[in-house]
Amino acid sequence: METQMSKTFKFKGREFPCCTSLTMGVIGGKWKTVILFHLIKGTLRYSELRKEIPMVTERTLSLQLKALEEDGVIKRKVYTSKPPLKVEYSLTDLGKSLIPIIQSIADWGDFAVKNHSK
């Protein structure tokens, strides 16, 4: 695999030393990949995400959703037509391009638990 070590990569106003660090900058951390994994199945409301990921705090979930939205990986749709306010999250086309990566991460975790968790 050929890499360009001297070149930097710019994405959404940030600079990264390589494509791997760019990818990890977008999906890295404890919760972003988990959020994306749950959005693979389709659009979810904020409350549905909270139920799917009960260990994440509301503040952390909000911050991670905002970061993923700013990076263009998810989109946020707000419905204000009638109370209560309804907010839905879904993958963008850029986010959908991460599905094979997220699925591979989940598959590896499954493999590790089944074969190496003793």
PDB file of N, CA and C in Angstrom:
ATOM      1  N   MET A   1       0.851  -1.171   0.000  1.00  0.00           N
ATOM      2  CA  MET A   1       0.000   0.000   0.000  1.00  0.00           C
ATOM      3  C   MET A   1       0.901   1.239   0.000  1.00  0.00           C
ATOM      4  N   GLU A   2       0.620   2.136  -0.879  1.00  0.00           N
ATOM      5  CA  GLU A   2       1.409   3.353  -0.986  1.00  0.00           C
ATOM      6  C   GLU A   2       0.773   4.469  -0.171  1.00  0.00           C
ATOM      7  N   THR A   3       1.597   5.151   0.603  1.00  0.00           N
ATOM      8  CA  THR A   3       1.093   6.289   1.375  1.00  0.00           C
ATOM      9  C   THR A   3       1.948   7.507   1.080  1.00  0.00           C
ATOM     10  N   GLN A   4       1.398   8.650   1.349  1.00  0.00           N
ATOM     11  CA  GLN A   4       2.127   9.894   1.163  1.00  0.00           C
ATOM     12  C   GLN A   4       2.399  10.475   2.539  1.00  0.00           C
ATOM     13  N   MET A   5       3.566  10.203   3.082  1.00  0.00           N
ATOM     14  CA  MET A   5       3.883  10.602   4.442  1.00  0.00           C
ATOM     15  C   MET A   5       4.058  12.109   4.596  1.00  0.00           C
ATOM     16  N   SER A   6       4.503  12.786   3.546  1.00  0.00           N
ATOM     17  CA  SER A   6       4.764  14.218   3.679  1.00  0.00           C
ATOM     18  C   SER A   6       3.518  15.081   3.440  1.00  0.00           C
ATOM     19  N   LYS A   7       2.493  14.491   2.910  1.00  0.00           N
ATOM     20  CA  LYS A   7       1.283  15.234   2.590  1.00  0.00           C
ATOM     21  C   LYS A   7       0.329  15.219   3.782  1.00  0.00           C
ATOM     22  N   THR A   8      -0.375  16.328   3.974  1.00  0.00           N
ATOM     23  CA  THR A   8      -1.420  16.358   4.987  1.00  0.00           C
ATOM     24  C   THR A   8      -2.766  16.384   4.272  1.00  0.00           C
ATOM     25  N   PHE A   9      -3.787  16.001   5.008  1.00  0.00           N
ATOM     26  CA  PHE A   9      -5.122  15.919   4.452  1.00  0.00           C
ATOM     27  C   PHE A   9      -6.035  16.860   5.210  1.00  0.00           C
ATOM     28  N   LYS A  10      -6.802  17.654   4.465  1.00  0.00           N
ATOM     29  CA  LYS A  10      -7.728  18.603   5.081  1.00  0.00           C
ATOM     30  C   LYS A  10      -9.146  18.095   4.927  1.00  0.00           C
ATOM     31  N   PHE A  11      -9.888  18.240   6.015  1.00  0.00           N
ATOM     32  CA  PHE A  11     -11.279  17.796   6.032  1.00  0.00           C
ATOM     33  C   PHE A  11     -12.042  18.660   7.016  1.00  0.00           C
ATOM     34  N   LYS A  12     -13.073  19.339   6.516  1.00  0.00           N
ATOM     35  CA  LYS A  12     -13.934  20.168   7.361  1.00  0.00           C
ATOM     36  C   LYS A  12     -13.141  21.149   8.223  1.00  0.00           C
ATOM     37  N   GLY A  13     -12.139  21.768   7.625  1.00  0.00           N
ATOM     38  CA  GLY A  13     -11.367  22.788   8.327  1.00  0.00           C
ATOM     39  C   GLY A  13     -10.282  22.266   9.253  1.00  0.00           C
ATOM     40  N   ARG A  14     -10.105  20.956   9.295  1.00  0.00           N
ATOM     41  CA  ARG A  14      -9.057  20.372  10.135  1.00  0.00           C
ATOM     42  C   ARG A  14      -8.016  19.714   9.250  1.00  0.00           C
ATOM     43  N   GLU A  15      -6.811  19.605   9.773  1.00  0.00           N
ATOM     44  CA  GLU A  15      -5.714  19.012   9.029  1.00  0.00           C
ATOM     45  C   GLU A  15      -5.277  17.718   9.705  1.00  0.00           C
ATOM     46  N   PHE A  16      -5.047  16.690   8.905  1.00  0.00           N
ATOM     47  CA  PHE A  16      -4.664  15.375   9.413  1.00  0.00           C
ATOM     48  C   PHE A  16      -3.382  14.922   8.726  1.00  0.00           C
ATOM     49  N   PRO A  17      -2.517  14.201   9.436  1.00  0.00           N
ATOM     50  CA  PRO A  17      -1.262  13.755   8.839  1.00  0.00           C
ATOM     51  C   PRO A  17      -1.429  12.598   7.863  1.00  0.00           C
ATOM     52  N   CYS A  18      -2.538  11.867   7.945  1.00  0.00           N
ATOM     53  CA  CYS A  18      -2.780  10.752   7.033  1.00  0.00           C
ATOM     54  C   CYS A  18      -4.279  10.449   6.988  1.00  0.00           C
ATOM     55  N   CYS A  19      -4.652   9.621   6.036  1.00  0.00           N
ATOM     56  CA  CYS A  19      -6.074   9.281   5.889  1.00  0.00           C
ATOM     57  C   CYS A  19      -6.600   8.492   7.078  1.00  0.00           C
ATOM     58  N   THR A  20      -5.743   7.678   7.682  1.00  0.00           N
ATOM     59  CA  THR A  20      -6.174   6.908   8.845  1.00  0.00           C
ATOM     60  C   THR A  20      -6.526   7.832  10.005  1.00  0.00           C
ATOM     61  N   SER A  21      -5.700   8.838  10.234  1.00  0.00           N
ATOM     62  CA  SER A  21      -6.002   9.764  11.327  1.00  0.00           C
ATOM     63  C   SER A  21      -7.250  10.588  11.017  1.00  0.00           C
ATOM     64  N   LEU A  22      -7.489  10.876   9.754  1.00  0.00           N
ATOM     65  CA  LEU A  22      -8.722  11.565   9.370  1.00  0.00           C
ATOM     66  C   LEU A  22      -9.928  10.689   9.718  1.00  0.00           C
ATOM     67  N   THR A  23      -9.879   9.425   9.311  1.00  0.00           N
ATOM     68  CA  THR A  23     -10.981   8.509   9.597  1.00  0.00           C
ATOM     69  C   THR A  23     -11.220   8.398  11.095  1.00  0.00           C
ATOM     70  N   MET A  24     -10.148   8.225  11.859  1.00  0.00           N
ATOM     71  CA  MET A  24     -10.295   8.090  13.308  1.00  0.00           C
ATOM     72  C   MET A  24     -10.745   9.408  13.935  1.00  0.00           C
ATOM     73  N   GLY A  25     -10.385  10.522  13.337  1.00  0.00           N
ATOM     74  CA  GLY A  25     -10.857  11.807  13.820  1.00  0.00           C
ATOM     75  C   GLY A  25     -12.362  11.957  13.671  1.00  0.00           C
ATOM     76  N   VAL A  26     -12.900  11.336  12.644  1.00  0.00           N
ATOM     77  CA  VAL A  26     -14.337  11.414  12.393  1.00  0.00           C
ATOM     78  C   VAL A  26     -15.111  10.373  13.203  1.00  0.00           C
ATOM     79  N   ILE A  27     -14.624   9.131  13.256  1.00  0.00           N
ATOM     80  CA  ILE A  27     -15.400   8.071  13.911  1.00  0.00           C
ATOM     81  C   ILE A  27     -14.793   7.588  15.224  1.00  0.00           C
ATOM     82  N   GLY A  28     -13.637   8.117  15.605  1.00  0.00           N
ATOM     83  CA  GLY A  28     -12.972   7.650  16.813  1.00  0.00           C
ATOM     84  C   GLY A  28     -13.664   8.098  18.086  1.00  0.00           C
ATOM     85  N   GLY A  29     -13.230   7.520  19.167  1.00  0.00           N
ATOM     86  CA  GLY A  29     -13.823   7.829  20.461  1.00  0.00           C
ATOM     87  C   GLY A  29     -14.717   6.696  20.910  1.00  0.00           C
ATOM     88  N   LYS A  30     -15.206   6.817  22.101  1.00  0.00           N
ATOM     89  CA  LYS A  30     -15.977   5.738  22.716  1.00  0.00           C
ATOM     90  C   LYS A  30     -17.373   5.563  22.124  1.00  0.00           C
ATOM     91  N   TRP A  31     -18.022   6.634  21.676  1.00  0.00           N
ATOM     92  CA  TRP A  31     -19.444   6.548  21.327  1.00  0.00           C
ATOM     93  C   TRP A  31     -19.789   6.757  19.860  1.00  0.00           C
ATOM     94  N   LYS A  32     -18.946   7.422  19.083  1.00  0.00           N
ATOM     95  CA  LYS A  32     -19.322   7.730  17.698  1.00  0.00           C
ATOM     96  C   LYS A  32     -19.606   6.476  16.885  1.00  0.00           C
ATOM     97  N   THR A  33     -18.733   5.483  16.998  1.00  0.00           N
ATOM     98  CA  THR A  33     -18.931   4.255  16.233  1.00  0.00           C
ATOM     99  C   THR A  33     -20.194   3.533  16.686  1.00  0.00           C
ATOM    100  N   VAL A  34     -20.472   3.573  17.975  1.00  0.00           N
ATOM    101  CA  VAL A  34     -21.683   2.948  18.509  1.00  0.00           C
ATOM    102  C   VAL A  34     -22.928   3.645  17.950  1.00  0.00           C
ATOM    103  N   ILE A  35     -22.902   4.959  17.928  1.00  0.00           N
ATOM    104  CA  ILE A  35     -24.020   5.730  17.370  1.00  0.00           C
ATOM    105  C   ILE A  35     -24.224   5.368  15.903  1.00  0.00           C
ATOM    106  N   LEU A  36     -23.138   5.367  15.142  1.00  0.00           N
ATOM    107  CA  LEU A  36     -23.234   5.037  13.717  1.00  0.00           C
ATOM    108  C   LEU A  36     -23.757   3.617  13.515  1.00  0.00           C
ATOM    109  N   PHE A  37     -23.303   2.681  14.350  1.00  0.00           N
ATOM    110  CA  PHE A  37     -23.771   1.299  14.253  1.00  0.00           C
ATOM    111  C   PHE A  37     -25.298   1.238  14.384  1.00  0.00           C
ATOM    112  N   HIS A  38     -25.849   1.968  15.322  1.00  0.00           N
ATOM    113  CA  HIS A  38     -27.303   1.953  15.513  1.00  0.00           C
ATOM    114  C   HIS A  38     -28.037   2.671  14.382  1.00  0.00           C
ATOM    115  N   LEU A  39     -27.418   3.660  13.772  1.00  0.00           N
ATOM    116  CA  LEU A  39     -28.063   4.380  12.665  1.00  0.00           C
ATOM    117  C   LEU A  39     -28.007   3.611  11.346  1.00  0.00           C
ATOM    118  N   ILE A  40     -27.203   2.539  11.300  1.00  0.00           N
ATOM    119  CA  ILE A  40     -27.151   1.722  10.080  1.00  0.00           C
ATOM    120  C   ILE A  40     -28.535   1.165   9.761  1.00  0.00           C
ATOM    121  N   LYS A  41     -29.291   0.808  10.801  1.00  0.00           N
ATOM    122  CA  LYS A  41     -30.612   0.197  10.563  1.00  0.00           C
ATOM    123  C   LYS A  41     -31.657   1.211  10.110  1.00  0.00           C
ATOM    124  N   GLY A  42     -31.344   2.512  10.204  1.00  0.00           N
ATOM    125  CA  GLY A  42     -32.270   3.522   9.717  1.00  0.00           C
ATOM    126  C   GLY A  42     -32.363   4.716  10.646  1.00  0.00           C
ATOM    127  N   THR A  43     -33.255   5.616  10.301  1.00  0.00           N
ATOM    128  CA  THR A  43     -33.467   6.851  11.044  1.00  0.00           C
ATOM    129  C   THR A  43     -33.945   6.545  12.461  1.00  0.00           C
ATOM    130  N   LEU A  44     -33.348   7.257  13.430  1.00  0.00           N
ATOM    131  CA  LEU A  44     -33.750   7.106  14.822  1.00  0.00           C
ATOM    132  C   LEU A  44     -33.955   8.470  15.456  1.00  0.00           C
ATOM    133  N   ARG A  45     -34.924   8.539  16.337  1.00  0.00           N
ATOM    134  CA  ARG A  45     -35.122   9.745  17.131  1.00  0.00           C
ATOM    135  C   ARG A  45     -34.095   9.769  18.250  1.00  0.00           C
ATOM    136  N   TYR A  46     -33.877  10.950  18.808  1.00  0.00           N
ATOM    137  CA  TYR A  46     -32.922  11.096  19.904  1.00  0.00           C
ATOM    138  C   TYR A  46     -33.261  10.130  21.042  1.00  0.00           C
ATOM    139  N   SER A  47     -34.535  10.070  21.406  1.00  0.00           N
ATOM    140  CA  SER A  47     -34.957   9.198  22.509  1.00  0.00           C
ATOM    141  C   SER A  47     -34.709   7.725  22.197  1.00  0.00           C
ATOM    142  N   GLU A  48     -34.839   7.345  20.936  1.00  0.00           N
ATOM    143  CA  GLU A  48     -34.568   5.960  20.542  1.00  0.00           C
ATOM    144  C   GLU A  48     -33.080   5.644  20.657  1.00  0.00           C
ATOM    145  N   LEU A  49     -32.241   6.601  20.275  1.00  0.00           N
ATOM    146  CA  LEU A  49     -30.797   6.416  20.450  1.00  0.00           C
ATOM    147  C   LEU A  49     -30.442   6.270  21.926  1.00  0.00           C
ATOM    148  N   ARG A  50     -31.060   7.075  22.775  1.00  0.00           N
ATOM    149  CA  ARG A  50     -30.824   6.981  24.229  1.00  0.00           C
ATOM    150  C   ARG A  50     -31.181   5.586  24.738  1.00  0.00           C
ATOM    151  N   LYS A  51     -32.279   5.025  24.245  1.00  0.00           N
ATOM    152  CA  LYS A  51     -32.681   3.676  24.667  1.00  0.00           C
ATOM    153  C   LYS A  51     -31.713   2.619  24.145  1.00  0.00           C
ATOM    154  N   GLU A  52     -31.218   2.819  22.930  1.00  0.00           N
ATOM    155  CA  GLU A  52     -30.279   1.863  22.328  1.00  0.00           C
ATOM    156  C   GLU A  52     -28.910   1.891  23.018  1.00  0.00           C
ATOM    157  N   ILE A  53     -28.549   3.044  23.550  1.00  0.00           N
ATOM    158  CA  ILE A  53     -27.223   3.222  24.160  1.00  0.00           C
ATOM    159  C   ILE A  53     -27.417   3.786  25.573  1.00  0.00           C
ATOM    160  N   PRO A  54     -27.936   2.992  26.491  1.00  0.00           N
ATOM    161  CA  PRO A  54     -28.271   3.524  27.815  1.00  0.00           C
ATOM    162  C   PRO A  54     -27.072   3.960  28.659  1.00  0.00           C
ATOM    163  N   MET A  55     -25.873   3.485  28.343  1.00  0.00           N
ATOM    164  CA  MET A  55     -24.702   3.839  29.152  1.00  0.00           C
ATOM    165  C   MET A  55     -24.137   5.218  28.835  1.00  0.00           C
ATOM    166  N   VAL A  56     -24.532   5.818  27.717  1.00  0.00           N
ATOM    167  CA  VAL A  56     -24.021   7.137  27.358  1.00  0.00           C
ATOM    168  C   VAL A  56     -24.865   8.208  28.058  1.00  0.00           C
ATOM    169  N   THR A  57     -24.207   9.248  28.530  1.00  0.00           N
ATOM    170  CA  THR A  57     -24.959  10.340  29.159  1.00  0.00           C
ATOM    171  C   THR A  57     -25.630  11.182  28.078  1.00  0.00           C
ATOM    172  N   GLU A  58     -26.658  11.919  28.465  1.00  0.00           N
ATOM    173  CA  GLU A  58     -27.348  12.784  27.501  1.00  0.00           C
ATOM    174  C   GLU A  58     -26.401  13.821  26.918  1.00  0.00           C
ATOM    175  N   ARG A  59     -25.571  14.402  27.763  1.00  0.00           N
ATOM    176  CA  ARG A  59     -24.624  15.415  27.302  1.00  0.00           C
ATOM    177  C   ARG A  59     -23.649  14.839  26.282  1.00  0.00           C
ATOM    178  N   THR A  60     -23.090  13.680  26.597  1.00  0.00           N
ATOM    179  CA  THR A  60     -22.131  13.052  25.685  1.00  0.00           C
ATOM    180  C   THR A  60     -22.802  12.683  24.371  1.00  0.00           C
ATOM    181  N   LEU A  61     -23.996  12.109  24.441  1.00  0.00           N
ATOM    182  CA  LEU A  61     -24.708  11.759  23.216  1.00  0.00           C
ATOM    183  C   LEU A  61     -24.956  12.994  22.368  1.00  0.00           C
ATOM    184  N   SER A  62     -25.400  14.068  22.982  1.00  0.00           N
ATOM    185  CA  SER A  62     -25.645  15.318  22.242  1.00  0.00           C
ATOM    186  C   SER A  62     -24.369  15.841  21.593  1.00  0.00           C
ATOM    187  N   LEU A  63     -23.268  15.822  22.333  1.00  0.00           N
ATOM    188  CA  LEU A  63     -21.991  16.313  21.791  1.00  0.00           C
ATOM    189  C   LEU A  63     -21.493  15.440  20.641  1.00  0.00           C
ATOM    190  N   GLN A  64     -21.625  14.133  20.784  1.00  0.00           N
ATOM    191  CA  GLN A  64     -21.162  13.223  19.735  1.00  0.00           C
ATOM    192  C   GLN A  64     -22.038  13.338  18.485  1.00  0.00           C
ATOM    193  N   LEU A  65     -23.337  13.481  18.678  1.00  0.00           N
ATOM    194  CA  LEU A  65     -24.231  13.675  17.531  1.00  0.00           C
ATOM    195  C   LEU A  65     -23.890  14.972  16.806  1.00  0.00           C
ATOM    196  N   LYS A  66     -23.624  16.019  17.565  1.00  0.00           N
ATOM    197  CA  LYS A  66     -23.265  17.305  16.960  1.00  0.00           C
ATOM    198  C   LYS A  66     -21.970  17.182  16.159  1.00  0.00           C
ATOM    199  N   ALA A  67     -20.971  16.498  16.712  1.00  0.00           N
ATOM    200  CA  ALA A  67     -19.689  16.321  16.013  1.00  0.00           C
ATOM    201  C   ALA A  67     -19.882  15.510  14.734  1.00  0.00           C
ATOM    202  N   LEU A  68     -20.665  14.449  14.801  1.00  0.00           N
ATOM    203  CA  LEU A  68     -20.920  13.639  13.604  1.00  0.00           C
ATOM    204  C   LEU A  68     -21.677  14.440  12.546  1.00  0.00           C
ATOM    205  N   GLU A  69     -22.586  15.289  12.985  1.00  0.00           N
ATOM    206  CA  GLU A  69     -23.318  16.149  12.055  1.00  0.00           C
ATOM    207  C   GLU A  69     -22.382  17.172  11.417  1.00  0.00           C
ATOM    208  N   GLU A  70     -21.524  17.786  12.212  1.00  0.00           N
ATOM    209  CA  GLU A  70     -20.579  18.773  11.685  1.00  0.00           C
ATOM    210  C   GLU A  70     -19.624  18.153  10.666  1.00  0.00           C
ATOM    211  N   ASP A  71     -19.286  16.881  10.862  1.00  0.00           N
ATOM    212  CA  ASP A  71     -18.407  16.191   9.916  1.00  0.00           C
ATOM    213  C   ASP A  71     -19.160  15.671   8.697  1.00  0.00           C
ATOM    214  N   GLY A  72     -20.480  15.859   8.678  1.00  0.00           N
ATOM    215  CA  GLY A  72     -21.269  15.474   7.510  1.00  0.00           C
ATOM    216  C   GLY A  72     -21.587  13.994   7.422  1.00  0.00           C
ATOM    217  N   VAL A  73     -21.446  13.283   8.535  1.00  0.00           N
ATOM    218  CA  VAL A  73     -21.663  11.841   8.549  1.00  0.00           C
ATOM    219  C   VAL A  73     -23.123  11.503   8.871  1.00  0.00           C
ATOM    220  N   ILE A  74     -23.760  12.340   9.674  1.00  0.00           N
ATOM    221  CA  ILE A  74     -25.181  12.157   9.958  1.00  0.00           C
ATOM    222  C   ILE A  74     -25.916  13.453   9.659  1.00  0.00           C
ATOM    223  N   LYS A  75     -27.216  13.327   9.475  1.00  0.00           N
ATOM    224  CA  LYS A  75     -28.033  14.524   9.320  1.00  0.00           C
ATOM    225  C   LYS A  75     -29.082  14.528  10.421  1.00  0.00           C
ATOM    226  N   ARG A  76     -29.429  15.711  10.816  1.00  0.00           N
ATOM    227  CA  ARG A  76     -30.387  15.942  11.895  1.00  0.00           C
ATOM    228  C   ARG A  76     -31.587  16.642  11.288  1.00  0.00           C
ATOM    229  N   LYS A  77     -32.746  16.079  11.521  1.00  0.00           N
ATOM    230  CA  LYS A  77     -33.971  16.696  11.014  1.00  0.00           C
ATOM    231  C   LYS A  77     -34.863  17.016  12.202  1.00  0.00           C
ATOM    232  N   VAL A  78     -35.273  18.285  12.282  1.00  0.00           N
ATOM    233  CA  VAL A  78     -36.117  18.753  13.378  1.00  0.00           C
ATOM    234  C   VAL A  78     -37.521  18.982  12.842  1.00  0.00           C
ATOM    235  N   TYR A  79     -38.490  18.398  13.518  1.00  0.00           N
ATOM    236  CA  TYR A  79     -39.900  18.597  13.191  1.00  0.00           C
ATOM    237  C   TYR A  79     -40.497  19.497  14.271  1.00  0.00           C
ATOM    238  N   THR A  80     -40.961  20.662  13.865  1.00  0.00           N
ATOM    239  CA  THR A  80     -41.514  21.615  14.830  1.00  0.00           C
ATOM    240  C   THR A  80     -43.002  21.854  14.619  1.00  0.00           C
ATOM    241  N   SER A  81     -43.629  21.053  13.783  1.00  0.00           N
ATOM    242  CA  SER A  81     -45.024  21.307  13.426  1.00  0.00           C
ATOM    243  C   SER A  81     -45.974  21.242  14.616  1.00  0.00           C
ATOM    244  N   LYS A  82     -45.731  20.334  15.533  1.00  0.00           N
ATOM    245  CA  LYS A  82     -46.566  20.309  16.730  1.00  0.00           C
ATOM    246  C   LYS A  82     -45.746  19.776  17.902  1.00  0.00           C
ATOM    247  N   PRO A  83     -46.016  20.277  19.064  1.00  0.00           N
ATOM    248  CA  PRO A  83     -45.284  19.817  20.250  1.00  0.00           C
ATOM    249  C   PRO A  83     -45.606  18.351  20.541  1.00  0.00           C
ATOM    250  N   PRO A  84     -44.722  17.598  21.145  1.00  0.00           N
ATOM    251  CA  PRO A  84     -43.367  18.001  21.501  1.00  0.00           C
ATOM    252  C   PRO A  84     -42.445  17.968  20.281  1.00  0.00           C
ATOM    253  N   LEU A  85     -41.353  18.689  20.402  1.00  0.00           N
ATOM    254  CA  LEU A  85     -40.359  18.757  19.344  1.00  0.00           C
ATOM    255  C   LEU A  85     -39.852  17.354  19.025  1.00  0.00           C
ATOM    256  N   LYS A  86     -39.711  17.062  17.757  1.00  0.00           N
ATOM    257  CA  LYS A  86     -39.241  15.747  17.322  1.00  0.00           C
ATOM    258  C   LYS A  86     -37.953  15.945  16.529  1.00  0.00           C
ATOM    259  N   VAL A  87     -36.895  15.226  16.903  1.00  0.00           N
ATOM    260  CA  VAL A  87     -35.613  15.300  16.216  1.00  0.00           C
ATOM    261  C   VAL A  87     -35.220  13.898  15.782  1.00  0.00           C
ATOM    262  N   GLU A  88     -34.869  13.758  14.513  1.00  0.00           N
ATOM    263  CA  GLU A  88     -34.453  12.471  13.973  1.00  0.00           C
ATOM    264  C   GLU A  88     -33.042  12.566  13.415  1.00  0.00           C
ATOM    265  N   TYR A  89     -32.323  11.465  13.509  1.00  0.00           N
ATOM    266  CA  TYR A  89     -30.963  11.375  13.000  1.00  0.00           C
ATOM    267  C   TYR A  89     -30.880  10.226  12.011  1.00  0.00           C
ATOM    268  N   SER A  90     -30.121  10.456  10.937  1.00  0.00           N
ATOM    269  CA  SER A  90     -29.905   9.406   9.943  1.00  0.00           C
ATOM    270  C   SER A  90     -28.533   9.614   9.311  1.00  0.00           C
ATOM    271  N   LEU A  91     -28.069   8.578   8.638  1.00  0.00           N
ATOM    272  CA  LEU A  91     -26.784   8.648   7.954  1.00  0.00           C
ATOM    273  C   LEU A  91     -26.912   9.451   6.666  1.00  0.00           C
ATOM    274  N   THR A  92     -25.905  10.239   6.365  1.00  0.00           N
ATOM    275  CA  THR A  92     -25.809  10.906   5.068  1.00  0.00           C
ATOM    276  C   THR A  92     -25.159   9.913   4.101  1.00  0.00           C
ATOM    277  N   ASP A  93     -24.989  10.313   2.860  1.00  0.00           N
ATOM    278  CA  ASP A  93     -24.276   9.449   1.915  1.00  0.00           C
ATOM    279  C   ASP A  93     -22.846   9.194   2.395  1.00  0.00           C
ATOM    280  N   LEU A  94     -22.216  10.227   2.948  1.00  0.00           N
ATOM    281  CA  LEU A  94     -20.869  10.050   3.500  1.00  0.00           C
ATOM    282  C   LEU A  94     -20.912   9.062   4.656  1.00  0.00           C
ATOM    283  N   GLY A  95     -21.917   9.180   5.502  1.00  0.00           N
ATOM    284  CA  GLY A  95     -22.078   8.251   6.616  1.00  0.00           C
ATOM    285  C   GLY A  95     -22.328   6.826   6.141  1.00  0.00           C
ATOM    286  N   LYS A  96     -23.139   6.682   5.109  1.00  0.00           N
ATOM    287  CA  LYS A  96     -23.419   5.344   4.560  1.00  0.00           C
ATOM    288  C   LYS A  96     -22.158   4.692   4.011  1.00  0.00           C
ATOM    289  N   SER A  97     -21.214   5.497   3.545  1.00  0.00           N
ATOM    290  CA  SER A  97     -19.956   4.929   3.042  1.00  0.00           C
ATOM    291  C   SER A  97     -19.135   4.305   4.166  1.00  0.00           C
ATOM    292  N   LEU A  98     -19.474   4.623   5.419  1.00  0.00           N
ATOM    293  CA  LEU A  98     -18.787   4.036   6.579  1.00  0.00           C
ATOM    294  C   LEU A  98     -19.380   2.697   7.006  1.00  0.00           C
ATOM    295  N   ILE A  99     -20.511   2.297   6.448  1.00  0.00           N
ATOM    296  CA  ILE A  99     -21.176   1.067   6.876  1.00  0.00           C
ATOM    297  C   ILE A  99     -20.238  -0.141   6.841  1.00  0.00           C
ATOM    298  N   PRO A 100     -19.489  -0.391   5.761  1.00  0.00           N
ATOM    299  CA  PRO A 100     -18.603  -1.567   5.779  1.00  0.00           C
ATOM    300  C   PRO A 100     -17.537  -1.489   6.888  1.00  0.00           C
ATOM    301  N   ILE A 101     -17.065  -0.296   7.177  1.00  0.00           N
ATOM    302  CA  ILE A 101     -16.066  -0.127   8.237  1.00  0.00           C
ATOM    303  C   ILE A 101     -16.691  -0.414   9.597  1.00  0.00           C
ATOM    304  N   ILE A 102     -17.851   0.179   9.853  1.00  0.00           N
ATOM    305  CA  ILE A 102     -18.545  -0.025  11.129  1.00  0.00           C
ATOM    306  C   ILE A 102     -18.916  -1.495  11.296  1.00  0.00           C
ATOM    307  N   GLN A 103     -19.389  -2.123  10.228  1.00  0.00           N
ATOM    308  CA  GLN A 103     -19.749  -3.538  10.302  1.00  0.00           C
ATOM    309  C   GLN A 103     -18.511  -4.398  10.575  1.00  0.00           C
ATOM    310  N   SER A 104     -17.381  -4.055   9.967  1.00  0.00           N
ATOM    311  CA  SER A 104     -16.138  -4.798  10.228  1.00  0.00           C
ATOM    312  C   SER A 104     -15.696  -4.655  11.683  1.00  0.00           C
ATOM    313  N   ILE A 105     -15.850  -3.464  12.231  1.00  0.00           N
ATOM    314  CA  ILE A 105     -15.511  -3.243  13.642  1.00  0.00           C
ATOM    315  C   ILE A 105     -16.416  -4.106  14.525  1.00  0.00           C
ATOM    316  N   ALA A 106     -17.714  -4.140  14.220  1.00  0.00           N
ATOM    317  CA  ALA A 106     -18.659  -4.958  14.993  1.00  0.00           C
ATOM    318  C   ALA A 106     -18.329  -6.441  14.843  1.00  0.00           C
ATOM    319  N   ASP A 107     -18.001  -6.869  13.637  1.00  0.00           N
ATOM    320  CA  ASP A 107     -17.646  -8.270  13.402  1.00  0.00           C
ATOM    321  C   ASP A 107     -16.398  -8.656  14.181  1.00  0.00           C
ATOM    322  N   TRP A 108     -15.407  -7.782  14.206  1.00  0.00           N
ATOM    323  CA  TRP A 108     -14.185  -8.070  14.961  1.00  0.00           C
ATOM    324  C   TRP A 108     -14.496  -8.186  16.454  1.00  0.00           C
ATOM    325  N   GLY A 109     -15.324  -7.297  16.965  1.00  0.00           N
ATOM    326  CA  GLY A 109     -15.713  -7.368  18.374  1.00  0.00           C
ATOM    327  C   GLY A 109     -16.409  -8.672  18.697  1.00  0.00           C
ATOM    328  N   ASP A 110     -17.288  -9.123  17.814  1.00  0.00           N
ATOM    329  CA  ASP A 110     -17.980 -10.396  17.982  1.00  0.00           C
ATOM    330  C   ASP A 110     -16.972 -11.543  17.992  1.00  0.00           C
ATOM    331  N   PHE A 111     -16.033 -11.519  17.051  1.00  0.00           N
ATOM    332  CA  PHE A 111     -14.989 -12.536  16.973  1.00  0.00           C
ATOM    333  C   PHE A 111     -14.152 -12.558  18.247  1.00  0.00           C
ATOM    334  N   ALA A 112     -13.757 -11.380  18.726  1.00  0.00           N
ATOM    335  CA  ALA A 112     -12.921 -11.289  19.937  1.00  0.00           C
ATOM    336  C   ALA A 112     -13.643 -11.864  21.146  1.00  0.00           C
ATOM    337  N   VAL A 113     -14.924 -11.547  21.285  1.00  0.00           N
ATOM    338  CA  VAL A 113     -15.703 -12.045  22.425  1.00  0.00           C
ATOM    339  C   VAL A 113     -15.827 -13.562  22.358  1.00  0.00           C
ATOM    340  N   LYS A 114     -16.094 -14.087  21.174  1.00  0.00           N
ATOM    341  CA  LYS A 114     -16.294 -15.523  21.031  1.00  0.00           C
ATOM    342  C   LYS A 114     -15.014 -16.332  21.163  1.00  0.00           C
ATOM    343  N   ASN A 115     -13.895 -15.769  20.788  1.00  0.00           N
ATOM    344  CA  ASN A 115     -12.666 -16.553  20.700  1.00  0.00           C
ATOM    345  C   ASN A 115     -11.561 -16.173  21.676  1.00  0.00           C
ATOM    346  N   HIS A 116     -11.642 -15.010  22.283  1.00  0.00           N
ATOM    347  CA  HIS A 116     -10.522 -14.559  23.092  1.00  0.00           C
ATOM    348  C   HIS A 116     -10.930 -13.893  24.400  1.00  0.00           C
ATOM    349  N   SER A 117     -12.112 -14.144  24.879  1.00  0.00           N
ATOM    350  CA  SER A 117     -12.567 -13.423  26.072  1.00  0.00           C
ATOM    351  C   SER A 117     -12.382 -14.219  27.361  1.00  0.00           C
ATOM    352  N   LYS A 118     -11.702 -15.331  27.281  1.00  0.00           N
ATOM    353  CA  LYS A 118     -11.533 -16.176  28.471  1.00  0.00           C
ATOM    354  C   LYS A 118     -10.530 -15.637  29.439  1.00  0.00           C
TER     355      LYS A 118
END
